Amino acid sequence: MVRLGGIDALKHLADEHPHQYHIQIMQLLCAFVRHPTEHEEIEVRRDLRQDIQSALHAISDCHRNQSEIEYNRDYRLELQNSNISYGLLANLDLSQAYLIGADLSHSFLTRTDLSGADLSHANLRSTNLADATLIAANIWSADLTGTDLRGANLYRANLVGLNLSQCNLNSATLCRALLSNVDVSSADISDSDCSRINAQSAMFINTNLRRANLSFAGLDSANMRAVRLDSSNLYSAVLFGADLSGASLRRANVCNGNLRDADLSNADLSEALFSEAGEHPATGITQTQLDEARADPASPPQLDGVLDADTGKQLVWRGEPPNDTPA
């Protein structure tokens, strides 16, 4: 109770005299979160101590109210290497915070603002970040095993080299995010905005990208074997050298895309749009590539105006039905 009273008093002092005390009090509260005093009892905890949670809420409130002071003094919240696992920390404002190496595992951080935060090397295992804001956040080399990122805003976020396999990114915003060499195998990225992502050499094996917006995405050399791209938008996507073997592109829009050297063997192209009535045709495809794909006999891909990249001739659909469709 004494600590909680002290935290509340510091918050009021920062609120009442921000120009005089705000930065010093933020430094003091952040230092407490990084190095909290020991409990009298030694115990294994599955929840974040109340005094640490109170300090984080106070930090968030003061930070939100006095962001201009922090900006003018070039100050950022210093929460690096802090242990705030198992916290109930929804709706906090920790934007621009230093959280390098911090342990946020199993914490409830829904709708928290982490835009511009440095989360490199952070532990985010089983963290709930649904609807969180991570615009331009640096999440390089963090552990996101089992992280819930449904509806999260990761616009321009740095996700290079991460393991996002089996993560839930349904309805997330990944526009312009850096995902090169990222493993997102078996993740759910359905209904997400992945436009203009840089996912060169990323691994999407068995990933659910149904109805995702991948327009202008850089997917060159990506491993997309057995990926589900049904009704996705791949307009102007770069799929140069991508492995799409066994993928499902039913009703996908691939217009104006570049599929040079892409592997389409056993890919399901039923009703896929490779041109819009002859306009904006996909490029880089050869008849040999196309012949290795499959489609429902009554629903072949739209190929009007799509020319063989080697011969310049109009591509002709003559592939076989999908493996699960009777011949």
C-alpha atoms as a PDB file:
ATOM      1  CA  MET A   1       0.000   0.000   0.000  1.00  0.00           C
ATOM      2  CA  VAL A   2       2.896   2.360   0.745  1.00  0.00           C
ATOM      3  CA  ARG A   3       4.356   1.822  -2.730  1.00  0.00           C
ATOM      4  CA  LEU A   4       0.970   2.343  -4.399  1.00  0.00           C
ATOM      5  CA  GLY A   5       0.526   5.593  -2.493  1.00  0.00           C
ATOM      6  CA  GLY A   6       3.987   6.741  -3.509  1.00  0.00           C
ATOM      7  CA  ILE A   7       3.331   5.980  -7.176  1.00  0.00           C
ATOM      8  CA  ASP A   8       0.043   7.898  -7.050  1.00  0.00           C
ATOM      9  CA  ALA A   9       1.734  10.872  -5.383  1.00  0.00           C
ATOM     10  CA  LEU A  10       4.451  10.974  -8.028  1.00  0.00           C
ATOM     11  CA  LYS A  11       1.845  10.857 -10.788  1.00  0.00           C
ATOM     12  CA  HIS A  12      -0.033  13.809  -9.292  1.00  0.00           C
ATOM     13  CA  LEU A  13       3.206  15.772  -8.949  1.00  0.00           C
ATOM     14  CA  ALA A  14       4.051  15.135 -12.608  1.00  0.00           C
ATOM     15  CA  ASP A  15       0.534  16.150 -13.653  1.00  0.00           C
ATOM     16  CA  GLU A  16       0.590  19.362 -11.622  1.00  0.00           C
ATOM     17  CA  HIS A  17       4.140  20.490 -12.484  1.00  0.00           C
ATOM     18  CA  PRO A  18       4.990  18.809 -15.806  1.00  0.00           C
ATOM     19  CA  HIS A  19       7.680  21.218 -16.994  1.00  0.00           C
ATOM     20  CA  GLN A  20       9.490  20.963 -13.684  1.00  0.00           C
ATOM     21  CA  TYR A  21       9.129  17.295 -12.720  1.00  0.00           C
ATOM     22  CA  HIS A  22       7.716  15.194 -15.582  1.00  0.00           C
ATOM     23  CA  ILE A  23      10.995  13.826 -17.009  1.00  0.00           C
ATOM     24  CA  GLN A  24      12.506  13.125 -13.578  1.00  0.00           C
ATOM     25  CA  ILE A  25       9.385  11.271 -12.429  1.00  0.00           C
ATOM     26  CA  MET A  26       9.236   9.237 -15.644  1.00  0.00           C
ATOM     27  CA  GLN A  27      12.868   8.257 -15.092  1.00  0.00           C
ATOM     28  CA  LEU A  28      12.113   7.276 -11.505  1.00  0.00           C
ATOM     29  CA  LEU A  29       9.017   5.215 -12.346  1.00  0.00           C
ATOM     30  CA  CYS A  30      10.743   3.481 -15.288  1.00  0.00           C
ATOM     31  CA  ALA A  31      13.699   2.636 -13.038  1.00  0.00           C
ATOM     32  CA  PHE A  32      11.281   1.102 -10.524  1.00  0.00           C
ATOM     33  CA  VAL A  33       9.720  -1.080 -13.260  1.00  0.00           C
ATOM     34  CA  ARG A  34      13.163  -2.194 -14.407  1.00  0.00           C
ATOM     35  CA  HIS A  35      14.467  -2.863 -10.902  1.00  0.00           C
ATOM     36  CA  PRO A  36      11.526  -3.283  -8.509  1.00  0.00           C
ATOM     37  CA  THR A  37      12.198  -3.743  -4.813  1.00  0.00           C
ATOM     38  CA  GLU A  38      12.033  -7.361  -3.680  1.00  0.00           C
ATOM     39  CA  HIS A  39       8.915  -8.822  -2.138  1.00  0.00           C
ATOM     40  CA  GLU A  40       9.253  -9.998   1.425  1.00  0.00           C
ATOM     41  CA  GLU A  41       7.917 -13.387   0.342  1.00  0.00           C
ATOM     42  CA  ILE A  42       9.714 -15.589  -2.172  1.00  0.00           C
ATOM     43  CA  GLU A  43       7.111 -16.998  -4.538  1.00  0.00           C
ATOM     44  CA  VAL A  44       6.532 -18.102  -8.112  1.00  0.00           C
ATOM     45  CA  ARG A  45       4.090 -15.600  -9.601  1.00  0.00           C
ATOM     46  CA  ARG A  46       1.660 -15.971 -12.480  1.00  0.00           C
ATOM     47  CA  ASP A  47       0.567 -12.348 -12.354  1.00  0.00           C
ATOM     48  CA  LEU A  48       2.418  -9.054 -12.466  1.00  0.00           C
ATOM     49  CA  ARG A  49       2.789  -7.364  -9.096  1.00  0.00           C
ATOM     50  CA  GLN A  50       0.189  -4.683  -8.470  1.00  0.00           C
ATOM     51  CA  ASP A  51       2.742  -1.981  -7.711  1.00  0.00           C
ATOM     52  CA  ILE A  52       4.544  -2.603 -11.026  1.00  0.00           C
ATOM     53  CA  GLN A  53       1.245  -2.531 -12.918  1.00  0.00           C
ATOM     54  CA  SER A  54       0.294   0.708 -11.167  1.00  0.00           C
ATOM     55  CA  ALA A  55       3.650   2.230 -12.086  1.00  0.00           C
ATOM     56  CA  LEU A  56       3.115   1.272 -15.748  1.00  0.00           C
ATOM     57  CA  HIS A  57      -0.374   2.795 -15.784  1.00  0.00           C
ATOM     58  CA  ALA A  58       1.013   5.984 -14.235  1.00  0.00           C
ATOM     59  CA  ILE A  59       3.819   6.054 -16.805  1.00  0.00           C
ATOM     60  CA  SER A  60       1.292   5.597 -19.596  1.00  0.00           C
ATOM     61  CA  ASP A  61      -1.038   8.343 -18.374  1.00  0.00           C
ATOM     62  CA  CYS A  62       1.749  10.877 -17.871  1.00  0.00           C
ATOM     63  CA  HIS A  63       3.418   9.923 -21.150  1.00  0.00           C
ATOM     64  CA  ARG A  64       0.163  10.361 -23.068  1.00  0.00           C
ATOM     65  CA  ASN A  65      -0.475  13.779 -21.488  1.00  0.00           C
ATOM     66  CA  GLN A  66       3.061  15.158 -21.773  1.00  0.00           C
ATOM     67  CA  SER A  67       4.349  13.671 -25.024  1.00  0.00           C
ATOM     68  CA  GLU A  68       5.289  17.133 -26.284  1.00  0.00           C
ATOM     69  CA  ILE A  69       7.615  17.719 -23.320  1.00  0.00           C
ATOM     70  CA  GLU A  70       9.286  14.359 -23.931  1.00  0.00           C
ATOM     71  CA  TYR A  71       9.669  15.107 -27.627  1.00  0.00           C
ATOM     72  CA  ASN A  72      11.203  18.525 -26.999  1.00  0.00           C
ATOM     73  CA  ARG A  73      13.688  17.037 -24.535  1.00  0.00           C
ATOM     74  CA  ASP A  74      14.429  13.985 -26.712  1.00  0.00           C
ATOM     75  CA  TYR A  75      13.265  11.625 -23.972  1.00  0.00           C
ATOM     76  CA  ARG A  76      11.941   8.093 -24.470  1.00  0.00           C
ATOM     77  CA  LEU A  77      10.547   5.736 -21.855  1.00  0.00           C
ATOM     78  CA  GLU A  78      13.377   3.497 -20.651  1.00  0.00           C
ATOM     79  CA  LEU A  79      11.834   0.091 -19.979  1.00  0.00           C
ATOM     80  CA  GLN A  80      14.541  -2.064 -21.529  1.00  0.00           C
ATOM     81  CA  ASN A  81      15.146  -5.495 -19.952  1.00  0.00           C
ATOM     82  CA  SER A  82      12.155  -5.017 -17.636  1.00  0.00           C
ATOM     83  CA  ASN A  83      10.100  -8.027 -16.540  1.00  0.00           C
ATOM     84  CA  ILE A  84       6.429  -7.200 -17.034  1.00  0.00           C
ATOM     85  CA  SER A  85       5.179 -10.668 -17.908  1.00  0.00           C
ATOM     86  CA  TYR A  86       1.635 -11.724 -16.978  1.00  0.00           C
ATOM     87  CA  GLY A  87       0.545  -8.072 -16.794  1.00  0.00           C
ATOM     88  CA  LEU A  88      -2.971  -6.742 -17.332  1.00  0.00           C
ATOM     89  CA  LEU A  89      -1.911  -3.725 -19.354  1.00  0.00           C
ATOM     90  CA  ALA A  90      -4.612  -3.032 -21.931  1.00  0.00           C
ATOM     91  CA  ASN A  91      -4.978   0.427 -23.489  1.00  0.00           C
ATOM     92  CA  LEU A  92      -1.578   1.699 -22.337  1.00  0.00           C
ATOM     93  CA  ASP A  93       0.419   4.290 -24.269  1.00  0.00           C
ATOM     94  CA  LEU A  94       4.003   3.040 -24.485  1.00  0.00           C
ATOM     95  CA  SER A  95       4.726   4.617 -27.853  1.00  0.00           C
ATOM     96  CA  GLN A  96       8.406   5.225 -28.674  1.00  0.00           C
ATOM     97  CA  ALA A  97       9.408   3.278 -25.540  1.00  0.00           C
ATOM     98  CA  TYR A  98      12.699   1.411 -25.247  1.00  0.00           C
ATOM     99  CA  LEU A  99      11.587  -2.170 -24.543  1.00  0.00           C
ATOM    100  CA  ILE A 100      14.711  -3.891 -25.824  1.00  0.00           C
ATOM    101  CA  GLY A 101      15.041  -7.311 -24.215  1.00  0.00           C
ATOM    102  CA  ALA A 102      11.915  -6.786 -22.099  1.00  0.00           C
ATOM    103  CA  ASP A 103       9.822  -9.761 -21.003  1.00  0.00           C
ATOM    104  CA  LEU A 104       6.183  -9.144 -21.956  1.00  0.00           C
ATOM    105  CA  SER A 105       5.269 -12.810 -22.237  1.00  0.00           C
ATOM    106  CA  HIS A 106       1.705 -13.819 -21.343  1.00  0.00           C
ATOM    107  CA  SER A 107       0.749 -10.163 -20.844  1.00  0.00           C
ATOM    108  CA  PHE A 108      -2.601  -8.719 -21.877  1.00  0.00           C
ATOM    109  CA  LEU A 109      -1.709  -5.724 -24.065  1.00  0.00           C
ATOM    110  CA  THR A 110      -4.807  -5.346 -26.217  1.00  0.00           C
ATOM    111  CA  ARG A 111      -5.244  -1.917 -27.784  1.00  0.00           C
ATOM    112  CA  THR A 112      -1.892  -0.796 -26.347  1.00  0.00           C
ATOM    113  CA  ASP A 113      -0.006   1.842 -28.342  1.00  0.00           C
ATOM    114  CA  LEU A 114       3.521   0.608 -29.071  1.00  0.00           C
ATOM    115  CA  SER A 115       4.061   2.673 -32.193  1.00  0.00           C
ATOM    116  CA  GLY A 116       7.724   3.464 -32.739  1.00  0.00           C
ATOM    117  CA  ALA A 117       8.716   1.290 -29.781  1.00  0.00           C
ATOM    118  CA  ASP A 118      11.929  -0.713 -29.851  1.00  0.00           C
ATOM    119  CA  LEU A 119      10.949  -4.297 -29.004  1.00  0.00           C
ATOM    120  CA  SER A 120      14.041  -5.946 -30.434  1.00  0.00           C
ATOM    121  CA  HIS A 121      15.021  -9.116 -28.550  1.00  0.00           C
ATOM    122  CA  ALA A 122      11.842  -8.816 -26.447  1.00  0.00           C
ATOM    123  CA  ASN A 123       9.988 -11.873 -25.160  1.00  0.00           C
ATOM    124  CA  LEU A 124       6.444 -11.725 -26.553  1.00  0.00           C
ATOM    125  CA  ARG A 125       5.579 -15.403 -26.174  1.00  0.00           C
ATOM    126  CA  SER A 126       1.824 -15.893 -25.791  1.00  0.00           C
ATOM    127  CA  THR A 127       1.323 -12.128 -25.456  1.00  0.00           C
ATOM    128  CA  ASN A 128      -2.111 -10.776 -26.362  1.00  0.00           C
ATOM    129  CA  LEU A 129      -1.539  -7.823 -28.701  1.00  0.00           C
ATOM    130  CA  ALA A 130      -4.952  -7.889 -30.366  1.00  0.00           C
ATOM    131  CA  ASP A 131      -5.840  -4.477 -31.829  1.00  0.00           C
ATOM    132  CA  ALA A 132      -2.520  -3.061 -30.569  1.00  0.00           C
ATOM    133  CA  THR A 133      -0.791  -0.264 -32.486  1.00  0.00           C
ATOM    134  CA  LEU A 134       2.744  -1.176 -33.552  1.00  0.00           C
ATOM    135  CA  ILE A 135       3.246   1.343 -36.352  1.00  0.00           C
ATOM    136  CA  ALA A 136       6.936   1.542 -37.283  1.00  0.00           C
ATOM    137  CA  ALA A 137       7.837  -0.579 -34.264  1.00  0.00           C
ATOM    138  CA  ASN A 138      11.160  -2.412 -34.293  1.00  0.00           C
ATOM    139  CA  ILE A 139      10.422  -6.031 -33.393  1.00  0.00           C
ATOM    140  CA  TRP A 140      13.625  -7.455 -34.820  1.00  0.00           C
ATOM    141  CA  SER A 141      14.783 -10.739 -33.251  1.00  0.00           C
ATOM    142  CA  ALA A 142      11.896 -10.833 -30.756  1.00  0.00           C
ATOM    143  CA  ASP A 143      10.185 -14.077 -29.708  1.00  0.00           C
ATOM    144  CA  LEU A 144       6.557 -14.037 -30.883  1.00  0.00           C
ATOM    145  CA  THR A 145       5.717 -17.703 -30.399  1.00  0.00           C
ATOM    146  CA  GLY A 146       1.966 -17.990 -29.931  1.00  0.00           C
ATOM    147  CA  THR A 147       1.442 -14.214 -30.017  1.00  0.00           C
ATOM    148  CA  ASP A 148      -2.088 -12.958 -30.686  1.00  0.00           C
ATOM    149  CA  LEU A 149      -1.882 -10.080 -33.206  1.00  0.00           C
ATOM    150  CA  ARG A 150      -5.454 -10.084 -34.452  1.00  0.00           C
ATOM    151  CA  GLY A 151      -6.361  -6.653 -35.767  1.00  0.00           C
ATOM    152  CA  ALA A 152      -2.971  -5.226 -34.793  1.00  0.00           C
ATOM    153  CA  ASN A 153      -1.581  -2.299 -36.782  1.00  0.00           C
ATOM    154  CA  LEU A 154       1.955  -3.191 -37.908  1.00  0.00           C
ATOM    155  CA  TYR A 155       2.257  -0.557 -40.625  1.00  0.00           C
ATOM    156  CA  ARG A 156       5.950  -0.153 -41.553  1.00  0.00           C
ATOM    157  CA  ALA A 157       6.969  -2.413 -38.658  1.00  0.00           C
ATOM    158  CA  ASN A 158      10.358  -4.127 -38.813  1.00  0.00           C
ATOM    159  CA  LEU A 159       9.726  -7.873 -38.516  1.00  0.00           C
ATOM    160  CA  VAL A 160      12.877  -9.044 -40.289  1.00  0.00           C
ATOM    161  CA  GLY A 161      14.091 -12.500 -39.307  1.00  0.00           C
ATOM    162  CA  LEU A 162      11.212 -13.251 -36.922  1.00  0.00           C
ATOM    163  CA  ASN A 163       9.465 -16.545 -36.333  1.00  0.00           C
ATOM    164  CA  LEU A 164       5.748 -15.804 -36.681  1.00  0.00           C
ATOM    165  CA  SER A 165       4.751 -19.380 -37.390  1.00  0.00           C
ATOM    166  CA  GLN A 166       1.282 -20.242 -36.098  1.00  0.00           C
ATOM    167  CA  CYS A 167       0.667 -16.635 -34.998  1.00  0.00           C
ATOM    168  CA  ASN A 168      -2.811 -15.166 -35.339  1.00  0.00           C
ATOM    169  CA  LEU A 169      -2.637 -12.093 -37.585  1.00  0.00           C
ATOM    170  CA  ASN A 170      -6.226 -12.183 -38.767  1.00  0.00           C
ATOM    171  CA  SER A 171      -7.399  -8.754 -39.954  1.00  0.00           C
ATOM    172  CA  ALA A 172      -4.035  -7.200 -39.063  1.00  0.00           C
ATOM    173  CA  THR A 173      -2.478  -4.271 -40.937  1.00  0.00           C
ATOM    174  CA  LEU A 174       0.954  -5.189 -42.296  1.00  0.00           C
ATOM    175  CA  CYS A 175       1.111  -2.592 -45.049  1.00  0.00           C
ATOM    176  CA  ARG A 176       4.733  -1.727 -45.943  1.00  0.00           C
ATOM    177  CA  ALA A 177       6.050  -3.974 -43.152  1.00  0.00           C
ATOM    178  CA  LEU A 178       9.469  -5.583 -43.518  1.00  0.00           C
ATOM    179  CA  LEU A 179       9.098  -9.377 -43.460  1.00  0.00           C
ATOM    180  CA  SER A 180      12.113 -10.556 -45.423  1.00  0.00           C
ATOM    181  CA  ASN A 181      13.321 -13.967 -44.240  1.00  0.00           C
ATOM    182  CA  VAL A 182      10.393 -14.184 -41.801  1.00  0.00           C
ATOM    183  CA  ASP A 183       8.852 -17.578 -40.993  1.00  0.00           C
ATOM    184  CA  VAL A 184       5.062 -17.231 -41.027  1.00  0.00           C
ATOM    185  CA  SER A 185       4.342 -20.888 -41.722  1.00  0.00           C
ATOM    186  CA  SER A 186       0.873 -22.047 -40.668  1.00  0.00           C
ATOM    187  CA  ALA A 187      -0.007 -18.527 -39.469  1.00  0.00           C
ATOM    188  CA  ASP A 188      -3.468 -17.027 -39.936  1.00  0.00           C
ATOM    189  CA  ILE A 189      -3.110 -13.797 -41.936  1.00  0.00           C
ATOM    190  CA  SER A 190      -6.556 -13.959 -43.511  1.00  0.00           C
ATOM    191  CA  ASP A 191      -8.427 -10.706 -44.223  1.00  0.00           C
ATOM    192  CA  SER A 192      -5.242  -8.713 -43.515  1.00  0.00           C
ATOM    193  CA  ASP A 193      -3.784  -5.708 -45.318  1.00  0.00           C
ATOM    194  CA  CYS A 194      -0.381  -6.888 -46.541  1.00  0.00           C
ATOM    195  CA  SER A 195      -0.110  -4.398 -49.376  1.00  0.00           C
ATOM    196  CA  ARG A 196       3.404  -3.352 -50.327  1.00  0.00           C
ATOM    197  CA  ILE A 197       5.033  -5.666 -47.783  1.00  0.00           C
ATOM    198  CA  ASN A 198       8.645  -6.638 -48.367  1.00  0.00           C
ATOM    199  CA  ALA A 199       8.592 -10.392 -47.813  1.00  0.00           C
ATOM    200  CA  GLN A 200      11.513 -11.466 -49.941  1.00  0.00           C
ATOM    201  CA  SER A 201      12.542 -15.069 -49.173  1.00  0.00           C
ATOM    202  CA  ALA A 202       9.899 -15.315 -46.436  1.00  0.00           C
ATOM    203  CA  MET A 203       8.398 -18.699 -45.572  1.00  0.00           C
ATOM    204  CA  PHE A 204       4.597 -18.944 -45.906  1.00  0.00           C
ATOM    205  CA  ILE A 205       4.201 -22.732 -45.981  1.00  0.00           C
ATOM    206  CA  ASN A 206       0.562 -23.690 -45.199  1.00  0.00           C
ATOM    207  CA  THR A 207      -0.208 -20.080 -44.248  1.00  0.00           C
ATOM    208  CA  ASN A 208      -3.806 -18.837 -44.424  1.00  0.00           C
ATOM    209  CA  LEU A 209      -3.856 -15.693 -46.589  1.00  0.00           C
ATOM    210  CA  ARG A 210      -7.463 -15.957 -47.710  1.00  0.00           C
ATOM    211  CA  ARG A 211      -8.935 -12.601 -48.734  1.00  0.00           C
ATOM    212  CA  ALA A 212      -5.681 -10.828 -47.831  1.00  0.00           C
ATOM    213  CA  ASN A 213      -4.627  -7.694 -49.680  1.00  0.00           C
ATOM    214  CA  LEU A 214      -1.168  -8.428 -51.110  1.00  0.00           C
ATOM    215  CA  SER A 215      -1.231  -5.805 -53.844  1.00  0.00           C
ATOM    216  CA  PHE A 216       2.223  -4.526 -54.810  1.00  0.00           C
ATOM    217  CA  ALA A 217       3.758  -6.994 -52.319  1.00  0.00           C
ATOM    218  CA  GLY A 218       7.366  -8.050 -52.758  1.00  0.00           C
ATOM    219  CA  LEU A 219       7.201 -11.850 -52.569  1.00  0.00           C
ATOM    220  CA  ASP A 220      10.164 -12.723 -54.750  1.00  0.00           C
ATOM    221  CA  SER A 221      11.760 -16.055 -53.835  1.00  0.00           C
ATOM    222  CA  ALA A 222       9.155 -16.572 -51.093  1.00  0.00           C
ATOM    223  CA  ASN A 223       8.297 -20.134 -50.103  1.00  0.00           C
ATOM    224  CA  MET A 224       4.522 -20.262 -50.477  1.00  0.00           C
ATOM    225  CA  ARG A 225       3.998 -23.986 -50.805  1.00  0.00           C
ATOM    226  CA  ALA A 226       0.419 -25.048 -50.008  1.00  0.00           C
ATOM    227  CA  VAL A 227      -0.460 -21.474 -49.007  1.00  0.00           C
ATOM    228  CA  ARG A 228      -4.153 -20.560 -49.107  1.00  0.00           C
ATOM    229  CA  LEU A 229      -4.639 -17.442 -51.221  1.00  0.00           C
ATOM    230  CA  ASP A 230      -8.312 -17.887 -52.085  1.00  0.00           C
ATOM    231  CA  SER A 231      -9.933 -14.558 -53.046  1.00  0.00           C
ATOM    232  CA  SER A 232      -6.739 -12.689 -52.184  1.00  0.00           C
ATOM    233  CA  ASN A 233      -5.597  -9.554 -54.007  1.00  0.00           C
ATOM    234  CA  LEU A 234      -2.151 -10.038 -55.582  1.00  0.00           C
ATOM    235  CA  TYR A 235      -2.460  -7.156 -58.023  1.00  0.00           C
ATOM    236  CA  SER A 236       1.033  -6.026 -59.135  1.00  0.00           C
ATOM    237  CA  ALA A 237       2.657  -8.404 -56.652  1.00  0.00           C
ATOM    238  CA  VAL A 238       6.226  -9.485 -57.397  1.00  0.00           C
ATOM    239  CA  LEU A 239       6.266 -13.301 -57.281  1.00  0.00           C
ATOM    240  CA  PHE A 240       9.544 -13.719 -59.128  1.00  0.00           C
ATOM    241  CA  GLY A 241      10.912 -17.175 -58.286  1.00  0.00           C
ATOM    242  CA  ALA A 242       8.247 -17.795 -55.633  1.00  0.00           C
ATOM    243  CA  ASP A 243       7.338 -21.396 -54.796  1.00  0.00           C
ATOM    244  CA  LEU A 244       3.547 -21.640 -55.165  1.00  0.00           C
ATOM    245  CA  SER A 245       3.442 -25.397 -55.602  1.00  0.00           C
ATOM    246  CA  GLY A 246       0.263 -26.862 -54.168  1.00  0.00           C
ATOM    247  CA  ALA A 247      -1.057 -23.386 -53.325  1.00  0.00           C
ATOM    248  CA  SER A 248      -4.712 -22.467 -53.651  1.00  0.00           C
ATOM    249  CA  LEU A 249      -5.317 -19.282 -55.658  1.00  0.00           C
ATOM    250  CA  ARG A 250      -9.016 -19.822 -56.284  1.00  0.00           C
ATOM    251  CA  ARG A 251     -10.613 -16.498 -57.316  1.00  0.00           C
ATOM    252  CA  ALA A 252      -7.344 -14.669 -56.536  1.00  0.00           C
ATOM    253  CA  ASN A 253      -6.519 -11.462 -58.427  1.00  0.00           C
ATOM    254  CA  VAL A 254      -3.030 -11.838 -59.922  1.00  0.00           C
ATOM    255  CA  CYS A 255      -3.432  -9.103 -62.538  1.00  0.00           C
ATOM    256  CA  ASN A 256      -0.277  -7.161 -63.380  1.00  0.00           C
ATOM    257  CA  GLY A 257       1.727  -9.529 -61.175  1.00  0.00           C
ATOM    258  CA  ASN A 258       5.184 -10.781 -62.089  1.00  0.00           C
ATOM    259  CA  LEU A 259       5.438 -14.575 -61.917  1.00  0.00           C
ATOM    260  CA  ARG A 260       8.739 -15.079 -63.702  1.00  0.00           C
ATOM    261  CA  ASP A 261      10.207 -18.473 -62.672  1.00  0.00           C
ATOM    262  CA  ALA A 262       7.422 -19.039 -60.099  1.00  0.00           C
ATOM    263  CA  ASP A 263       6.628 -22.680 -59.373  1.00  0.00           C
ATOM    264  CA  LEU A 264       2.925 -23.272 -60.111  1.00  0.00           C
ATOM    265  CA  SER A 265       2.995 -27.052 -60.032  1.00  0.00           C
ATOM    266  CA  ASN A 266      -0.301 -28.426 -58.677  1.00  0.00           C
ATOM    267  CA  ALA A 267      -1.440 -24.909 -57.754  1.00  0.00           C
ATOM    268  CA  ASP A 268      -5.221 -24.500 -57.902  1.00  0.00           C
ATOM    269  CA  LEU A 269      -5.961 -21.583 -60.264  1.00  0.00           C
ATOM    270  CA  SER A 270      -9.735 -22.026 -60.442  1.00  0.00           C
ATOM    271  CA  GLU A 271     -11.330 -18.670 -61.384  1.00  0.00           C
ATOM    272  CA  ALA A 272      -8.045 -16.857 -60.768  1.00  0.00           C
ATOM    273  CA  LEU A 273      -7.774 -13.523 -62.590  1.00  0.00           C
ATOM    274  CA  PHE A 274      -4.555 -13.118 -64.545  1.00  0.00           C
ATOM    275  CA  SER A 275      -6.078 -10.227 -66.472  1.00  0.00           C
ATOM    276  CA  GLU A 276      -9.159  -8.045 -66.325  1.00  0.00           C
ATOM    277  CA  ALA A 277     -10.852  -8.786 -69.635  1.00  0.00           C
ATOM    278  CA  GLY A 278      -7.500  -8.432 -71.360  1.00  0.00           C
ATOM    279  CA  GLU A 279      -6.353  -5.443 -69.313  1.00  0.00           C
ATOM    280  CA  HIS A 280      -3.463  -5.432 -66.820  1.00  0.00           C
ATOM    281  CA  PRO A 281      -2.238  -8.948 -67.704  1.00  0.00           C
ATOM    282  CA  ALA A 282       0.150 -10.784 -65.431  1.00  0.00           C
ATOM    283  CA  THR A 283       3.678 -11.134 -66.778  1.00  0.00           C
ATOM    284  CA  GLY A 284       6.527 -13.596 -66.624  1.00  0.00           C
ATOM    285  CA  ILE A 285       4.389 -16.729 -67.070  1.00  0.00           C
ATOM    286  CA  THR A 286       5.177 -19.382 -69.643  1.00  0.00           C
ATOM    287  CA  GLN A 287       2.931 -22.074 -71.074  1.00  0.00           C
ATOM    288  CA  THR A 288       5.157 -24.659 -69.406  1.00  0.00           C
ATOM    289  CA  GLN A 289       4.554 -23.096 -65.980  1.00  0.00           C
ATOM    290  CA  LEU A 290       0.824 -22.864 -66.602  1.00  0.00           C
ATOM    291  CA  ASP A 291       0.544 -26.471 -67.729  1.00  0.00           C
ATOM    292  CA  GLU A 292       1.782 -27.637 -64.336  1.00  0.00           C
ATOM    293  CA  ALA A 293      -1.146 -25.948 -62.531  1.00  0.00           C
ATOM    294  CA  ARG A 294      -4.690 -27.202 -62.025  1.00  0.00           C
ATOM    295  CA  ALA A 295      -8.222 -25.781 -62.044  1.00  0.00           C
ATOM    296  CA  ASP A 296     -11.825 -26.907 -61.972  1.00  0.00           C
ATOM    297  CA  PRO A 297     -12.827 -27.716 -65.575  1.00  0.00           C
ATOM    298  CA  ALA A 298     -15.817 -25.364 -65.349  1.00  0.00           C
ATOM    299  CA  SER A 299     -13.834 -22.582 -63.691  1.00  0.00           C
ATOM    300  CA  PRO A 300     -10.512 -22.072 -65.507  1.00  0.00           C
ATOM    301  CA  PRO A 301      -8.311 -19.049 -64.820  1.00  0.00           C
ATOM    302  CA  GLN A 302      -8.931 -15.805 -66.747  1.00  0.00           C
ATOM    303  CA  LEU A 303      -6.034 -15.515 -69.217  1.00  0.00           C
ATOM    304  CA  ASP A 304      -7.243 -13.045 -71.849  1.00  0.00           C
ATOM    305  CA  GLY A 305      -4.275 -11.038 -73.073  1.00  0.00           C
ATOM    306  CA  VAL A 306      -1.741 -12.942 -70.936  1.00  0.00           C
ATOM    307  CA  LEU A 307       1.235 -13.802 -73.146  1.00  0.00           C
ATOM    308  CA  ASP A 308       3.870 -16.482 -72.842  1.00  0.00           C
ATOM    309  CA  ALA A 309       6.976 -14.749 -71.465  1.00  0.00           C
ATOM    310  CA  ASP A 310       9.219 -16.781 -73.794  1.00  0.00           C
ATOM    311  CA  THR A 311       7.264 -16.949 -77.063  1.00  0.00           C
ATOM    312  CA  GLY A 312       4.914 -13.961 -76.840  1.00  0.00           C
ATOM    313  CA  LYS A 313       1.927 -16.173 -77.718  1.00  0.00           C
ATOM    314  CA  GLN A 314      -1.418 -16.064 -75.954  1.00  0.00           C
ATOM    315  CA  LEU A 315      -1.459 -18.502 -73.019  1.00  0.00           C
ATOM    316  CA  VAL A 316      -4.010 -21.295 -73.296  1.00  0.00           C
ATOM    317  CA  TRP A 317      -5.534 -23.151 -70.364  1.00  0.00           C
ATOM    318  CA  ARG A 318      -5.100 -26.889 -70.793  1.00  0.00           C
ATOM    319  CA  GLY A 319      -4.282 -27.949 -67.252  1.00  0.00           C
ATOM    320  CA  GLU A 320      -5.852 -30.716 -65.218  1.00  0.00           C
ATOM    321  CA  PRO A 321      -8.487 -30.633 -62.464  1.00  0.00           C
ATOM    322  CA  PRO A 322      -7.329 -30.241 -58.851  1.00  0.00           C
ATOM    323  CA  ASN A 323      -6.268 -33.435 -57.149  1.00  0.00           C
ATOM    324  CA  ASP A 324      -9.478 -33.599 -55.095  1.00  0.00           C
ATOM    325  CA  THR A 325     -11.718 -33.098 -58.169  1.00  0.00           C
ATOM    326  CA  PRO A 326     -12.836 -36.137 -60.156  1.00  0.00           C
ATOM    327  CA  ALA A 327     -11.365 -36.118 -63.656  1.00  0.00           C
END
